[in-house]
Amino acid sequence: MRLDEKHCGPRGIKIEYDTCMSERAGVRLRCLPDGAFHDAFELGWKSRLLELDVTGIELPQGALLEIECGSMLYFGELLRNDGSTASVLIEHSVDRARLKAIRQTWG
């Protein structure tokens, strides 16, 4: 696993992402706060936009999403969904291994 950071936008937001994910990597996503998980595929990144293949998944534009993608957990807003391809503006990213360590420390 190799983690890199993207420095994007005028606010200089840093988004950490897993650079070892292959094209069409499987991901799991759900609408926050309590939506059911759905399987989708990562199509790639365009700056802070994560492109996903969401064929057969109904997602309302503007939905807040949690996305499990390899070693990372992403949180973002659905900007576009044409029924097969979705663009998600990623606002936060968390390394799942670091999250596990924090959970163990804090109980």
N, C-alpha and C. Protein backbone atom coordinates (compact mmCIF):
# COMPACT_ATOMS: atom_id res chain seq x y z
N MET A 1 0.84 -1.16 0.00
CA MET A 1 0.00 0.00 0.00
C MET A 1 0.89 1.23 0.00
N ARG A 2 0.54 2.21 -0.81
CA ARG A 2 1.24 3.48 -0.85
C ARG A 2 0.20 4.59 -0.76
N LEU A 3 0.40 5.48 0.20
CA LEU A 3 -0.54 6.58 0.37
C LEU A 3 0.09 7.86 -0.12
N ASP A 4 -0.65 8.64 -0.86
CA ASP A 4 -0.23 9.95 -1.33
C ASP A 4 -1.26 10.95 -0.89
N GLU A 5 -0.92 12.23 -1.06
CA GLU A 5 -1.87 13.28 -0.75
C GLU A 5 -2.12 14.11 -1.98
N LYS A 6 -3.33 14.56 -2.14
CA LYS A 6 -3.68 15.52 -3.18
C LYS A 6 -3.90 16.85 -2.49
N HIS A 7 -3.26 17.89 -2.97
CA HIS A 7 -3.48 19.24 -2.46
C HIS A 7 -4.34 19.94 -3.49
N CYS A 8 -5.57 20.19 -3.14
CA CYS A 8 -6.52 20.66 -4.14
C CYS A 8 -7.27 21.88 -3.65
N GLY A 9 -7.61 22.71 -4.60
CA GLY A 9 -8.50 23.83 -4.34
C GLY A 9 -7.82 25.00 -3.67
N PRO A 10 -8.52 26.11 -3.63
CA PRO A 10 -7.96 27.33 -3.07
C PRO A 10 -7.72 27.23 -1.57
N ARG A 11 -8.44 26.35 -0.89
CA ARG A 11 -8.25 26.20 0.55
C ARG A 11 -7.09 25.26 0.87
N GLY A 12 -6.49 24.64 -0.15
CA GLY A 12 -5.36 23.76 0.06
C GLY A 12 -5.70 22.50 0.83
N ILE A 13 -6.92 22.00 0.66
CA ILE A 13 -7.36 20.81 1.36
C ILE A 13 -6.51 19.62 0.93
N LYS A 14 -6.07 18.83 1.90
CA LYS A 14 -5.29 17.63 1.61
C LYS A 14 -6.21 16.43 1.69
N ILE A 15 -6.23 15.64 0.64
CA ILE A 15 -7.00 14.40 0.62
C ILE A 15 -6.00 13.27 0.44
N GLU A 16 -5.95 12.35 1.39
CA GLU A 16 -5.06 11.21 1.31
C GLU A 16 -5.78 10.12 0.53
N TYR A 17 -5.07 9.47 -0.37
CA TYR A 17 -5.70 8.42 -1.15
C TYR A 17 -4.72 7.30 -1.42
N ASP A 18 -5.24 6.13 -1.68
CA ASP A 18 -4.46 4.91 -1.90
C ASP A 18 -4.08 4.85 -3.37
N THR A 19 -2.78 4.97 -3.67
CA THR A 19 -2.33 4.98 -5.07
C THR A 19 -2.16 3.58 -5.63
N CYS A 20 -2.40 2.57 -4.83
CA CYS A 20 -2.24 1.19 -5.31
C CYS A 20 -3.55 0.58 -5.79
N MET A 21 -4.62 1.34 -5.74
CA MET A 21 -5.90 0.83 -6.20
C MET A 21 -5.87 0.72 -7.72
N SER A 22 -6.26 -0.43 -8.23
CA SER A 22 -6.29 -0.63 -9.67
C SER A 22 -7.55 -0.02 -10.26
N GLU A 23 -7.53 0.20 -11.59
CA GLU A 23 -8.75 0.67 -12.26
C GLU A 23 -9.86 -0.35 -12.00
N ARG A 24 -11.08 0.15 -11.87
CA ARG A 24 -12.26 -0.66 -11.63
C ARG A 24 -12.16 -1.46 -10.34
N ALA A 25 -11.48 -0.90 -9.34
CA ALA A 25 -11.42 -1.53 -8.03
C ALA A 25 -12.81 -1.48 -7.41
N GLY A 26 -13.17 -2.54 -6.74
CA GLY A 26 -14.45 -2.57 -6.06
C GLY A 26 -14.46 -1.67 -4.84
N VAL A 27 -15.57 -0.99 -4.63
CA VAL A 27 -15.76 -0.15 -3.45
C VAL A 27 -17.14 -0.45 -2.87
N ARG A 28 -17.34 -0.04 -1.63
CA ARG A 28 -18.66 -0.12 -1.00
C ARG A 28 -19.04 1.30 -0.62
N LEU A 29 -20.29 1.66 -0.86
CA LEU A 29 -20.71 3.01 -0.51
C LEU A 29 -22.10 2.99 0.08
N ARG A 30 -22.38 4.05 0.85
CA ARG A 30 -23.71 4.20 1.44
C ARG A 30 -24.00 5.67 1.67
N CYS A 31 -25.28 6.00 1.66
CA CYS A 31 -25.72 7.35 2.00
C CYS A 31 -25.69 7.50 3.51
N LEU A 32 -25.19 8.63 3.97
CA LEU A 32 -25.17 8.92 5.40
C LEU A 32 -26.50 9.53 5.82
N PRO A 33 -26.99 9.29 7.00
CA PRO A 33 -26.27 8.69 8.11
C PRO A 33 -26.44 7.18 8.24
N ASP A 34 -27.47 6.59 7.65
CA ASP A 34 -27.74 5.17 7.95
C ASP A 34 -28.19 4.36 6.75
N GLY A 35 -27.74 4.73 5.55
CA GLY A 35 -28.12 3.98 4.36
C GLY A 35 -27.47 2.61 4.29
N ALA A 36 -28.05 1.75 3.48
CA ALA A 36 -27.49 0.42 3.26
C ALA A 36 -26.27 0.51 2.35
N PHE A 37 -25.32 -0.40 2.52
CA PHE A 37 -24.14 -0.43 1.66
C PHE A 37 -24.47 -1.03 0.30
N HIS A 38 -23.83 -0.48 -0.74
CA HIS A 38 -23.95 -0.97 -2.11
C HIS A 38 -22.54 -1.17 -2.68
N ASP A 39 -22.42 -2.15 -3.56
CA ASP A 39 -21.14 -2.38 -4.25
C ASP A 39 -21.09 -1.54 -5.52
N ALA A 40 -19.93 -0.92 -5.75
CA ALA A 40 -19.72 -0.10 -6.94
C ALA A 40 -18.26 -0.30 -7.38
N PHE A 41 -17.85 0.42 -8.43
CA PHE A 41 -16.48 0.31 -8.92
C PHE A 41 -15.86 1.70 -9.08
N GLU A 42 -14.61 1.82 -8.66
CA GLU A 42 -13.86 3.06 -8.84
C GLU A 42 -13.43 3.17 -10.30
N LEU A 43 -13.71 4.32 -10.91
CA LEU A 43 -13.29 4.57 -12.29
C LEU A 43 -12.06 5.46 -12.37
N GLY A 44 -11.81 6.24 -11.32
CA GLY A 44 -10.63 7.09 -11.31
C GLY A 44 -10.87 8.40 -10.58
N TRP A 45 -9.80 9.18 -10.50
CA TRP A 45 -9.82 10.47 -9.80
C TRP A 45 -9.61 11.60 -10.79
N LYS A 46 -10.29 12.70 -10.55
CA LYS A 46 -10.07 13.96 -11.25
C LYS A 46 -9.99 15.02 -10.17
N SER A 47 -8.77 15.32 -9.74
CA SER A 47 -8.54 16.23 -8.62
C SER A 47 -9.22 15.63 -7.39
N ARG A 48 -10.18 16.33 -6.76
CA ARG A 48 -10.86 15.79 -5.58
C ARG A 48 -12.14 15.04 -5.94
N LEU A 49 -12.40 14.84 -7.21
CA LEU A 49 -13.59 14.11 -7.64
C LEU A 49 -13.26 12.63 -7.83
N LEU A 50 -13.99 11.79 -7.15
CA LEU A 50 -13.88 10.35 -7.32
C LEU A 50 -15.00 9.92 -8.26
N GLU A 51 -14.62 9.32 -9.38
CA GLU A 51 -15.60 8.83 -10.36
C GLU A 51 -15.89 7.37 -10.06
N LEU A 52 -17.18 7.03 -10.00
CA LEU A 52 -17.61 5.67 -9.66
C LEU A 52 -18.59 5.14 -10.68
N ASP A 53 -18.51 3.83 -10.94
CA ASP A 53 -19.54 3.14 -11.70
C ASP A 53 -20.59 2.70 -10.70
N VAL A 54 -21.77 3.29 -10.78
CA VAL A 54 -22.86 3.02 -9.83
C VAL A 54 -24.07 2.43 -10.54
N THR A 55 -23.84 1.69 -11.60
CA THR A 55 -24.94 1.10 -12.37
C THR A 55 -25.88 0.33 -11.46
N GLY A 56 -27.16 0.68 -11.53
CA GLY A 56 -28.18 -0.01 -10.75
C GLY A 56 -28.36 0.50 -9.33
N ILE A 57 -27.62 1.54 -8.95
CA ILE A 57 -27.73 2.08 -7.59
C ILE A 57 -28.40 3.45 -7.67
N GLU A 58 -29.49 3.62 -6.93
CA GLU A 58 -30.18 4.91 -6.90
C GLU A 58 -29.58 5.78 -5.80
N LEU A 59 -29.02 6.92 -6.20
CA LEU A 59 -28.42 7.86 -5.26
C LEU A 59 -28.91 9.26 -5.60
N PRO A 60 -29.46 9.98 -4.64
CA PRO A 60 -29.93 11.33 -4.93
C PRO A 60 -28.77 12.32 -5.01
N GLN A 61 -28.85 13.23 -5.98
CA GLN A 61 -27.83 14.26 -6.10
C GLN A 61 -27.76 15.05 -4.80
N GLY A 62 -26.55 15.35 -4.35
CA GLY A 62 -26.34 16.07 -3.10
C GLY A 62 -26.22 15.17 -1.89
N ALA A 63 -26.41 13.86 -2.08
CA ALA A 63 -26.32 12.92 -0.96
C ALA A 63 -24.91 12.94 -0.37
N LEU A 64 -24.83 12.81 0.95
CA LEU A 64 -23.56 12.65 1.62
C LEU A 64 -23.24 11.17 1.68
N LEU A 65 -22.03 10.82 1.23
CA LEU A 65 -21.68 9.41 1.08
C LEU A 65 -20.47 9.02 1.92
N GLU A 66 -20.48 7.78 2.38
CA GLU A 66 -19.33 7.12 2.98
C GLU A 66 -18.89 6.07 1.96
N ILE A 67 -17.60 6.05 1.62
CA ILE A 67 -17.09 5.14 0.60
C ILE A 67 -15.91 4.37 1.18
N GLU A 68 -16.02 3.04 1.22
CA GLU A 68 -14.93 2.18 1.63
C GLU A 68 -14.18 1.76 0.37
N CYS A 69 -12.91 2.11 0.30
CA CYS A 69 -12.13 1.91 -0.91
C CYS A 69 -10.74 1.43 -0.53
N GLY A 70 -10.52 0.12 -0.58
CA GLY A 70 -9.20 -0.41 -0.21
C GLY A 70 -8.86 -0.09 1.23
N SER A 71 -7.72 0.55 1.42
CA SER A 71 -7.25 0.88 2.77
C SER A 71 -7.82 2.20 3.28
N MET A 72 -8.64 2.87 2.47
CA MET A 72 -9.12 4.20 2.82
C MET A 72 -10.64 4.23 3.02
N LEU A 73 -11.05 5.21 3.80
CA LEU A 73 -12.46 5.51 4.01
C LEU A 73 -12.64 6.97 3.59
N TYR A 74 -13.56 7.23 2.67
CA TYR A 74 -13.79 8.57 2.14
C TYR A 74 -15.19 9.05 2.50
N PHE A 75 -15.31 10.36 2.69
CA PHE A 75 -16.60 11.00 2.92
C PHE A 75 -16.72 12.14 1.93
N GLY A 76 -17.85 12.20 1.24
CA GLY A 76 -18.02 13.24 0.24
C GLY A 76 -19.47 13.45 -0.14
N GLU A 77 -19.66 14.37 -1.10
CA GLU A 77 -20.99 14.75 -1.58
C GLU A 77 -21.15 14.32 -3.03
N LEU A 78 -22.27 13.69 -3.33
CA LEU A 78 -22.57 13.28 -4.70
C LEU A 78 -22.92 14.52 -5.52
N LEU A 79 -22.08 14.84 -6.50
CA LEU A 79 -22.32 16.00 -7.35
C LEU A 79 -23.12 15.66 -8.60
N ARG A 80 -22.89 14.46 -9.14
CA ARG A 80 -23.54 14.07 -10.39
C ARG A 80 -23.75 12.56 -10.40
N ASN A 81 -24.91 12.16 -10.90
CA ASN A 81 -25.21 10.74 -11.08
C ASN A 81 -26.09 10.61 -12.31
N ASP A 82 -25.56 10.02 -13.36
CA ASP A 82 -26.34 9.86 -14.59
C ASP A 82 -26.96 8.47 -14.70
N GLY A 83 -26.94 7.72 -13.61
CA GLY A 83 -27.51 6.38 -13.61
C GLY A 83 -26.47 5.28 -13.74
N SER A 84 -25.33 5.62 -14.32
CA SER A 84 -24.26 4.62 -14.41
C SER A 84 -22.94 5.15 -13.85
N THR A 85 -22.69 6.45 -13.99
CA THR A 85 -21.46 7.05 -13.50
C THR A 85 -21.79 8.16 -12.53
N ALA A 86 -21.08 8.16 -11.40
CA ALA A 86 -21.28 9.19 -10.38
C ALA A 86 -19.97 9.91 -10.11
N SER A 87 -20.08 11.21 -9.81
CA SER A 87 -18.93 12.02 -9.41
C SER A 87 -19.15 12.44 -7.97
N VAL A 88 -18.19 12.11 -7.11
CA VAL A 88 -18.30 12.41 -5.69
C VAL A 88 -17.17 13.37 -5.30
N LEU A 89 -17.52 14.53 -4.75
CA LEU A 89 -16.54 15.47 -4.26
C LEU A 89 -16.10 14.99 -2.88
N ILE A 90 -14.85 14.55 -2.77
CA ILE A 90 -14.34 14.01 -1.52
C ILE A 90 -13.91 15.16 -0.61
N GLU A 91 -14.48 15.18 0.59
CA GLU A 91 -14.19 16.22 1.58
C GLU A 91 -13.24 15.72 2.67
N HIS A 92 -13.31 14.42 2.99
CA HIS A 92 -12.48 13.86 4.06
C HIS A 92 -12.02 12.46 3.67
N SER A 93 -10.82 12.11 4.13
CA SER A 93 -10.32 10.76 3.93
C SER A 93 -9.67 10.29 5.22
N VAL A 94 -9.81 8.99 5.50
CA VAL A 94 -9.25 8.41 6.71
C VAL A 94 -8.59 7.09 6.33
N ASP A 95 -7.34 6.92 6.76
CA ASP A 95 -6.65 5.65 6.59
C ASP A 95 -7.27 4.66 7.57
N ARG A 96 -7.78 3.57 7.08
CA ARG A 96 -8.52 2.63 7.94
C ARG A 96 -7.63 1.97 8.99
N ALA A 97 -6.34 1.76 8.69
CA ALA A 97 -5.42 1.19 9.68
C ALA A 97 -5.21 2.18 10.83
N ARG A 98 -5.07 3.46 10.50
CA ARG A 98 -4.92 4.48 11.55
C ARG A 98 -6.20 4.59 12.37
N LEU A 99 -7.34 4.48 11.71
CA LEU A 99 -8.62 4.55 12.41
C LEU A 99 -8.74 3.38 13.39
N LYS A 100 -8.32 2.22 12.98
CA LYS A 100 -8.36 1.04 13.86
C LYS A 100 -7.51 1.27 15.11
N ALA A 101 -6.32 1.83 14.93
CA ALA A 101 -5.44 2.11 16.06
C ALA A 101 -6.07 3.12 17.02
N ILE A 102 -6.72 4.14 16.47
CA ILE A 102 -7.39 5.14 17.31
C ILE A 102 -8.53 4.50 18.08
N ARG A 103 -9.30 3.66 17.41
CA ARG A 103 -10.43 2.99 18.08
C ARG A 103 -9.94 2.10 19.22
N GLN A 104 -8.80 1.41 19.00
CA GLN A 104 -8.25 0.55 20.05
C GLN A 104 -7.77 1.37 21.25
N THR A 105 -7.18 2.53 20.96
CA THR A 105 -6.70 3.40 22.02
C THR A 105 -7.83 3.99 22.84
N TRP A 106 -8.86 4.46 22.14
CA TRP A 106 -9.96 5.17 22.81
C TRP A 106 -11.11 4.25 23.21
N GLY A 107 -11.05 3.00 22.75
CA GLY A 107 -12.09 2.04 23.14
C GLY A 107 -13.32 2.29 22.43
